[in-house]
PDB file of N, CA and C in Angstrom:
ATOM      1  N   MET A   1      11.584  -0.528  -5.143  1.00  0.00           N
ATOM      2  CA  MET A   1      10.434  -0.168  -6.350  1.00  0.00           C
ATOM      3  C   MET A   1       9.015  -0.931  -5.688  1.00  0.00           C
ATOM      4  N   LEU A   2       8.907  -2.058  -4.994  1.00  0.00           N
ATOM      5  CA  LEU A   2       7.822  -2.684  -4.116  1.00  0.00           C
ATOM      6  C   LEU A   2       7.404  -1.294  -3.197  1.00  0.00           C
ATOM      7  N   GLY A   3       8.114  -0.864  -2.615  1.00  0.00           N
ATOM      8  CA  GLY A   3       8.167   0.579  -1.727  1.00  0.00           C
ATOM      9  C   GLY A   3       6.933   1.210  -2.461  1.00  0.00           C
ATOM     10  N   VAL A   4       7.658   2.347  -2.976  1.00  0.00           N
ATOM     11  CA  VAL A   4       6.968   3.253  -4.171  1.00  0.00           C
ATOM     12  C   VAL A   4       5.491   1.895  -4.011  1.00  0.00           C
ATOM     13  N   ALA A   5       5.233   0.983  -4.782  1.00  0.00           N
ATOM     14  CA  ALA A   5       4.035   0.293  -5.150  1.00  0.00           C
ATOM     15  C   ALA A   5       3.370   0.356  -4.252  1.00  0.00           C
ATOM     16  N   ALA A   6       3.555   0.047  -2.819  1.00  0.00           N
ATOM     17  CA  ALA A   6       2.674   0.337  -1.179  1.00  0.00           C
ATOM     18  C   ALA A   6       2.411   1.428  -0.954  1.00  0.00           C
ATOM     19  N   VAL A   7       3.099   2.133  -1.518  1.00  0.00           N
ATOM     20  CA  VAL A   7       2.298   3.547  -1.212  1.00  0.00           C
ATOM     21  C   VAL A   7       1.288   3.742  -2.270  1.00  0.00           C
ATOM     22  N   VAL A   8       1.354   3.893  -3.723  1.00  0.00           N
ATOM     23  CA  VAL A   8       0.264   3.710  -4.404  1.00  0.00           C
ATOM     24  C   VAL A   8      -0.600   3.097  -3.956  1.00  0.00           C
ATOM     25  N   CYS A   9      -0.374   1.620  -3.635  1.00  0.00           N
ATOM     26  CA  CYS A   9      -1.751   0.667  -3.448  1.00  0.00           C
ATOM     27  C   CYS A   9      -2.314   1.512  -2.380  1.00  0.00           C
ATOM     28  N   VAL A  10      -1.889   2.058  -1.324  1.00  0.00           N
ATOM     29  CA  VAL A  10      -2.482   2.907  -0.054  1.00  0.00           C
ATOM     30  C   VAL A  10      -3.088   4.179  -0.751  1.00  0.00           C
ATOM     31  N   SER A  11      -2.401   4.815  -1.296  1.00  0.00           N
ATOM     32  CA  SER A  11      -2.842   5.773  -1.569  1.00  0.00           C
ATOM     33  C   SER A  11      -4.284   5.848  -2.623  1.00  0.00           C
ATOM     34  N   SER A  12      -3.976   4.550  -3.358  1.00  0.00           N
ATOM     35  CA  SER A  12      -4.881   4.350  -4.679  1.00  0.00           C
ATOM     36  C   SER A  12      -6.479   4.382  -3.772  1.00  0.00           C
ATOM     37  N   ARG A  13      -6.450   3.627  -2.772  1.00  0.00           N
ATOM     38  CA  ARG A  13      -7.228   3.172  -1.665  1.00  0.00           C
ATOM     39  C   ARG A  13      -8.242   4.227  -1.648  1.00  0.00           C
ATOM     40  N   SER A  14      -7.424   5.465  -0.986  1.00  0.00           N
ATOM     41  CA  SER A  14      -7.579   6.826  -0.251  1.00  0.00           C
ATOM     42  C   SER A  14      -8.383   7.095  -1.410  1.00  0.00           C
ATOM     43  N   GLN A  15      -8.093   7.030  -2.569  1.00  0.00           N
ATOM     44  CA  GLN A  15      -8.691   8.585  -3.354  1.00  0.00           C
ATOM     45  C   GLN A  15      -9.780   7.479  -3.740  1.00  0.00           C
ATOM     46  N   GLY A  16     -10.191   6.449  -3.458  1.00  0.00           N
ATOM     47  CA  GLY A  16     -11.762   5.729  -3.862  1.00  0.00           C
ATOM     48  C   GLY A  16     -12.543   6.217  -3.089  1.00  0.00           C
ATOM     49  N   THR A  17     -12.064   6.635  -1.380  1.00  0.00           N
ATOM     50  CA  THR A  17     -13.360   6.316  -0.660  1.00  0.00           C
ATOM     51  C   THR A  17     -14.509   7.528  -1.108  1.00  0.00           C
ATOM     52  N   ALA A  18     -14.125   8.593  -1.537  1.00  0.00           N
ATOM     53  CA  ALA A  18     -15.394   9.741  -1.941  1.00  0.00           C
ATOM     54  C   ALA A  18     -16.365   9.129  -2.655  1.00  0.00           C
ATOM     55  N   PRO A  19     -15.996   8.626  -4.043  1.00  0.00           N
ATOM     56  CA  PRO A  19     -16.992   7.934  -4.788  1.00  0.00           C
ATOM     57  C   PRO A  19     -17.426   6.636  -4.474  1.00  0.00           C
ATOM     58  N   GLY A  20     -16.602   6.171  -3.561  1.00  0.00           N
ATOM     59  CA  GLY A  20     -17.617   4.858  -3.361  1.00  0.00           C
ATOM     60  C   GLY A  20     -18.498   5.058  -2.430  1.00  0.00           C
ATOM     61  N   LEU A  21     -18.296   6.096  -1.390  1.00  0.00           N
ATOM     62  CA  LEU A  21     -19.719   6.289  -0.615  1.00  0.00           C
ATOM     63  C   LEU A  21     -20.921   7.201  -1.793  1.00  0.00           C
ATOM     64  N   GLN A  22     -20.480   8.016  -2.495  1.00  0.00           N
ATOM     65  CA  GLN A  22     -21.403   8.178  -3.420  1.00  0.00           C
ATOM     66  C   GLN A  22     -22.062   7.129  -4.147  1.00  0.00           C
ATOM     67  N   GLY A  23     -21.246   6.531  -4.705  1.00  0.00           N
ATOM     68  CA  GLY A  23     -21.965   5.514  -5.123  1.00  0.00           C
ATOM     69  C   GLY A  23     -22.935   3.979  -4.232  1.00  0.00           C
ATOM     70  N   CYS A  24     -22.214   4.182  -3.195  1.00  0.00           N
ATOM     71  CA  CYS A  24     -23.240   3.234  -2.396  1.00  0.00           C
ATOM     72  C   CYS A  24     -24.591   3.980  -1.946  1.00  0.00           C
ATOM     73  N   TYR A  25     -24.310   5.323  -1.583  1.00  0.00           N
ATOM     74  CA  TYR A  25     -25.611   5.937  -1.150  1.00  0.00           C
ATOM     75  C   TYR A  25     -26.685   5.714  -2.394  1.00  0.00           C
ATOM     76  N   ILE A  26     -26.210   6.025  -3.483  1.00  0.00           N
ATOM     77  CA  ILE A  26     -27.162   5.818  -4.380  1.00  0.00           C
ATOM     78  C   ILE A  26     -27.658   4.346  -4.598  1.00  0.00           C
ATOM     79  N   LEU A  27     -26.588   3.408  -4.333  1.00  0.00           N
ATOM     80  CA  LEU A  27     -27.705   1.940  -4.408  1.00  0.00           C
ATOM     81  C   LEU A  27     -28.619   1.536  -3.179  1.00  0.00           C
ATOM     82  N   GLY A  28     -28.355   2.684  -2.020  1.00  0.00           N
ATOM     83  CA  GLY A  28     -29.255   1.979  -0.657  1.00  0.00           C
ATOM     84  C   GLY A  28     -28.281   1.900  -0.001  1.00  0.00           C
ATOM     85  N   GLY A  29     -26.818   2.136   0.124  1.00  0.00           N
ATOM     86  CA  GLY A  29     -25.791   1.917   1.355  1.00  0.00           C
ATOM     87  C   GLY A  29     -25.650   2.293   2.281  1.00  0.00           C
ATOM     88  N   THR A  30     -25.189   1.636   3.387  1.00  0.00           N
ATOM     89  CA  THR A  30     -24.619   2.916   4.135  1.00  0.00           C
ATOM     90  C   THR A  30     -23.282   3.323   4.228  1.00  0.00           C
ATOM     91  N   PRO A  31     -22.966   4.361   4.629  1.00  0.00           N
ATOM     92  CA  PRO A  31     -21.191   4.851   4.857  1.00  0.00           C
ATOM     93  C   PRO A  31     -21.114   4.031   5.155  1.00  0.00           C
ATOM     94  N   ARG A  32     -21.476   3.907   6.780  1.00  0.00           N
ATOM     95  CA  ARG A  32     -20.272   2.850   7.650  1.00  0.00           C
ATOM     96  C   ARG A  32     -19.919   1.588   7.541  1.00  0.00           C
ATOM     97  N   ARG A  33     -20.832   1.357   6.470  1.00  0.00           N
ATOM     98  CA  ARG A  33     -20.124  -0.155   5.837  1.00  0.00           C
ATOM     99  C   ARG A  33     -19.301  -0.231   4.788  1.00  0.00           C
ATOM    100  N   ILE A  34     -19.167   1.014   4.199  1.00  0.00           N
ATOM    101  CA  ILE A  34     -18.056   1.627   3.169  1.00  0.00           C
ATOM    102  C   ILE A  34     -16.908   1.280   3.835  1.00  0.00           C
ATOM    103  N   GLN A  35     -17.402   2.539   5.147  1.00  0.00           N
ATOM    104  CA  GLN A  35     -16.068   3.159   5.418  1.00  0.00           C
ATOM    105  C   GLN A  35     -15.268   1.623   6.109  1.00  0.00           C
ATOM    106  N   MET A  36     -16.313   0.422   6.570  1.00  0.00           N
ATOM    107  CA  MET A  36     -15.114  -0.768   7.207  1.00  0.00           C
ATOM    108  C   MET A  36     -14.900  -1.118   6.102  1.00  0.00           C
ATOM    109  N   ALA A  37     -15.281  -1.024   4.990  1.00  0.00           N
ATOM    110  CA  ALA A  37     -14.742  -1.640   4.099  1.00  0.00           C
ATOM    111  C   ALA A  37     -13.634  -1.370   3.752  1.00  0.00           C
ATOM    112  N   GLU A  38     -13.436   0.019   3.199  1.00  0.00           N
ATOM    113  CA  GLU A  38     -11.994   0.837   3.001  1.00  0.00           C
ATOM    114  C   GLU A  38     -11.307   0.569   3.771  1.00  0.00           C
ATOM    115  N   LEU A  39     -11.356   0.195   5.218  1.00  0.00           N
ATOM    116  CA  LEU A  39     -10.459   0.120   6.671  1.00  0.00           C
ATOM    117  C   LEU A  39     -10.057  -0.993   6.252  1.00  0.00           C
ATOM    118  N   ILE A  40     -10.888  -1.868   5.991  1.00  0.00           N
ATOM    119  CA  ILE A  40     -10.058  -3.396   6.030  1.00  0.00           C
ATOM    120  C   ILE A  40      -9.350  -3.593   5.071  1.00  0.00           C
ATOM    121  N   ALA A  41      -9.907  -2.715   3.550  1.00  0.00           N
ATOM    122  CA  ALA A  41      -8.879  -3.196   2.538  1.00  0.00           C
ATOM    123  C   ALA A  41      -7.543  -2.403   2.383  1.00  0.00           C
ATOM    124  N   VAL A  42      -7.701  -1.574   3.396  1.00  0.00           N
ATOM    125  CA  VAL A  42      -5.944  -0.573   3.846  1.00  0.00           C
ATOM    126  C   VAL A  42      -5.274  -1.461   4.386  1.00  0.00           C
ATOM    127  N   VAL A  43      -5.650  -2.217   5.466  1.00  0.00           N
ATOM    128  CA  VAL A  43      -5.217  -3.173   6.453  1.00  0.00           C
ATOM    129  C   VAL A  43      -4.956  -4.083   5.896  1.00  0.00           C
ATOM    130  N   VAL A  44      -5.755  -5.044   5.050  1.00  0.00           N
ATOM    131  CA  VAL A  44      -5.543  -6.024   4.738  1.00  0.00           C
ATOM    132  C   VAL A  44      -4.058  -5.329   3.075  1.00  0.00           C
ATOM    133  N   ALA A  45      -4.362  -4.496   2.348  1.00  0.00           N
ATOM    134  CA  ALA A  45      -2.786  -3.964   1.762  1.00  0.00           C
ATOM    135  C   ALA A  45      -1.798  -3.963   2.355  1.00  0.00           C
ATOM    136  N   SER A  46      -1.660  -3.059   3.382  1.00  0.00           N
ATOM    137  CA  SER A  46      -0.470  -2.913   4.167  1.00  0.00           C
ATOM    138  C   SER A  46       0.212  -4.093   4.537  1.00  0.00           C
ATOM    139  N   LEU A  47      -0.663  -5.137   5.114  1.00  0.00           N
ATOM    140  CA  LEU A  47      -0.141  -6.353   5.391  1.00  0.00           C
ATOM    141  C   LEU A  47       0.250  -7.539   4.798  1.00  0.00           C
ATOM    142  N   VAL A  48      -0.750  -7.394   3.298  1.00  0.00           N
ATOM    143  CA  VAL A  48       0.521  -7.756   2.108  1.00  0.00           C
ATOM    144  C   VAL A  48       1.920  -7.546   1.741  1.00  0.00           C
ATOM    145  N   MET A  49       1.735  -6.080   1.475  1.00  0.00           N
ATOM    146  CA  MET A  49       2.799  -5.682   1.110  1.00  0.00           C
ATOM    147  C   MET A  49       4.114  -5.879   2.397  1.00  0.00           C
ATOM    148  N   TYR A  50       3.385  -6.107   3.317  1.00  0.00           N
ATOM    149  CA  TYR A  50       4.828  -5.790   4.803  1.00  0.00           C
ATOM    150  C   TYR A  50       5.664  -7.076   4.138  1.00  0.00           C
ATOM    151  N   TRP A  51       5.397  -8.372   4.297  1.00  0.00           N
ATOM    152  CA  TRP A  51       6.403  -9.027   4.183  1.00  0.00           C
ATOM    153  C   TRP A  51       7.304  -9.538   2.879  1.00  0.00           C
ATOM    154  N   PRO A  52       6.607  -8.739   1.260  1.00  0.00           N
ATOM    155  CA  PRO A  52       7.828  -9.009   0.582  1.00  0.00           C
ATOM    156  C   PRO A  52       8.955  -7.867   1.197  1.00  0.00           C
ATOM    157  N   LEU A  53       8.466  -6.707   1.336  1.00  0.00           N
ATOM    158  CA  LEU A  53       9.036  -5.559   1.533  1.00  0.00           C
ATOM    159  C   LEU A  53      10.231  -5.713   2.599  1.00  0.00           C
ATOM    160  N   MET A  54       9.949  -6.822   3.952  1.00  0.00           N
ATOM    161  CA  MET A  54      10.726  -7.181   4.792  1.00  0.00           C
ATOM    162  C   MET A  54      11.575  -8.338   4.259  1.00  0.00           C
ATOM    163  N   LEU A  55      11.454  -9.383   3.756  1.00  0.00           N
ATOM    164  CA  LEU A  55      12.377 -10.248   2.804  1.00  0.00           C
ATOM    165  C   LEU A  55      13.586  -9.517   2.025  1.00  0.00           C
ATOM    166  N   LEU A  56      13.238  -8.388   1.238  1.00  0.00           N
ATOM    167  CA  LEU A  56      13.970  -7.761   0.724  1.00  0.00           C
ATOM    168  C   LEU A  56      14.658  -6.831   1.173  1.00  0.00           C
ATOM    169  N   HIS A  57      14.517  -6.777   2.608  1.00  0.00           N
ATOM    170  CA  HIS A  57      15.203  -5.703   3.319  1.00  0.00           C
ATOM    171  C   HIS A  57      16.226  -6.582   3.657  1.00  0.00           C
ATOM    172  N   GLU A  58      15.566  -7.847   4.793  1.00  0.00           N
ATOM    173  CA  GLU A  58      16.467  -8.466   5.184  1.00  0.00           C
ATOM    174  C   GLU A  58      17.950  -9.443   4.128  1.00  0.00           C
ATOM    175  N   ALA A  59      16.869  -9.673   2.962  1.00  0.00           N
ATOM    176  CA  ALA A  59      18.138  -9.835   2.103  1.00  0.00           C
ATOM    177  C   ALA A  59      19.262  -9.609   1.728  1.00  0.00           C
ATOM    178  N   ASN A  60      18.607  -7.915   1.659  1.00  0.00           N
ATOM    179  CA  ASN A  60      19.715  -7.114   1.308  1.00  0.00           C
ATOM    180  C   ASN A  60      20.923  -7.393   2.287  1.00  0.00           C
ATOM    181  N   ILE A  61      20.177  -7.036   3.435  1.00  0.00           N
ATOM    182  CA  ILE A  61      21.480  -6.864   4.767  1.00  0.00           C
ATOM    183  C   ILE A  61      22.258  -7.976   4.839  1.00  0.00           C
ATOM    184  N   ARG A  62      21.261  -9.542   4.655  1.00  0.00           N
ATOM    185  CA  ARG A  62      22.771 -10.887   4.590  1.00  0.00           C
ATOM    186  C   ARG A  62      23.248 -10.616   3.418  1.00  0.00           C
ATOM    187  N   ALA A  63      23.189 -10.073   2.471  1.00  0.00           N
ATOM    188  CA  ALA A  63      24.180  -9.629   1.089  1.00  0.00           C
ATOM    189  C   ALA A  63      24.987  -8.933   1.417  1.00  0.00           C
ATOM    190  N   GLY A  64      25.036  -8.006   2.781  1.00  0.00           N
ATOM    191  CA  GLY A  64      26.367  -7.232   2.989  1.00  0.00           C
ATOM    192  C   GLY A  64      25.699  -5.821   2.353  1.00  0.00           C
ATOM    193  N   GLY A  65      24.553  -5.393   1.959  1.00  0.00           N
ATOM    194  CA  GLY A  65      24.001  -3.812   2.206  1.00  0.00           C
ATOM    195  C   GLY A  65      23.424  -3.391   3.770  1.00  0.00           C
ATOM    196  N   ILE A  66      23.139  -2.287   3.195  1.00  0.00           N
ATOM    197  CA  ILE A  66      22.617  -1.817   4.455  1.00  0.00           C
ATOM    198  C   ILE A  66      21.150  -1.458   4.548  1.00  0.00           C
ATOM    199  N   GLY A  67      20.326  -2.327   3.732  1.00  0.00           N
ATOM    200  CA  GLY A  67      18.607  -2.816   3.418  1.00  0.00           C
ATOM    201  C   GLY A  67      18.372  -1.651   2.940  1.00  0.00           C
ATOM    202  N   PHE A  68      17.488  -0.588   2.997  1.00  0.00           N
ATOM    203  CA  PHE A  68      16.295   0.305   2.752  1.00  0.00           C
ATOM    204  C   PHE A  68      17.260   1.383   2.203  1.00  0.00           C
ATOM    205  N   GLY A  69      17.854   2.319   1.002  1.00  0.00           N
ATOM    206  CA  GLY A  69      18.586   3.200   1.100  1.00  0.00           C
ATOM    207  C   GLY A  69      20.237   2.608   0.324  1.00  0.00           C
ATOM    208  N   ASP A  70      20.075   1.383   0.221  1.00  0.00           N
ATOM    209  CA  ASP A  70      21.235   0.890  -0.285  1.00  0.00           C
ATOM    210  C   ASP A  70      21.201   1.239  -1.533  1.00  0.00           C
ATOM    211  N   ARG A  71      22.260   0.976  -2.740  1.00  0.00           N
ATOM    212  CA  ARG A  71      22.465   1.191  -4.124  1.00  0.00           C
ATOM    213  C   ARG A  71      21.307   0.072  -4.737  1.00  0.00           C
ATOM    214  N   GLN A  72      21.527  -1.370  -4.341  1.00  0.00           N
ATOM    215  CA  GLN A  72      20.873  -2.484  -4.919  1.00  0.00           C
ATOM    216  C   GLN A  72      19.287  -2.437  -4.559  1.00  0.00           C
ATOM    217  N   LEU A  73      18.903  -1.577  -3.493  1.00  0.00           N
ATOM    218  CA  LEU A  73      17.501  -1.184  -2.777  1.00  0.00           C
ATOM    219  C   LEU A  73      16.805   0.043  -3.351  1.00  0.00           C
ATOM    220  N   SER A  74      17.602   1.055  -4.227  1.00  0.00           N
ATOM    221  CA  SER A  74      17.291   2.270  -4.657  1.00  0.00           C
ATOM    222  C   SER A  74      15.884   2.788  -4.874  1.00  0.00           C
ATOM    223  N   ALA A  75      15.517   3.988  -4.635  1.00  0.00           N
ATOM    224  CA  ALA A  75      13.974   3.858  -5.462  1.00  0.00           C
ATOM    225  C   ALA A  75      14.171   4.448  -6.778  1.00  0.00           C
ATOM    226  N   PRO A  76      12.919   4.257  -7.760  1.00  0.00           N
ATOM    227  CA  PRO A  76      13.197   4.610  -8.924  1.00  0.00           C
ATOM    228  C   PRO A  76      13.165   6.151  -9.075  1.00  0.00           C
ATOM    229  N   GLN A  77      14.221   6.474 -10.110  1.00  0.00           N
ATOM    230  CA  GLN A  77      14.442   7.774 -10.218  1.00  0.00           C
ATOM    231  C   GLN A  77      14.296   8.311 -11.593  1.00  0.00           C
ATOM    232  N   ALA A  78      13.778   9.998 -11.286  1.00  0.00           N
ATOM    233  CA  ALA A  78      13.063  10.028 -12.484  1.00  0.00           C
ATOM    234  C   ALA A  78      14.233  10.470 -13.800  1.00  0.00           C
ATOM    235  N   ASP A  79      14.048  10.543 -14.488  1.00  0.00           N
ATOM    236  CA  ASP A  79      14.488  10.994 -16.301  1.00  0.00           C
ATOM    237  C   ASP A  79      15.401  12.282 -16.460  1.00  0.00           C
TER     238      ASP A  79
END
């Protein structure tokens, strides 16, 4: 579940780049600054999501599972 959340978080950041650049240009900002802010946001989001995912993986291995891909850590399934 957190893996899906990580993917959604990172992809939502990438979808906001073009509108962010347009809004920044209208307000007088520079594209370089917005691109740097977007890059920092993606890196921070990735680092924040790394630790909970690693803890889940390690806890599942300690409980006798195989980590990600195990039945207890399965991805959400469509109905």
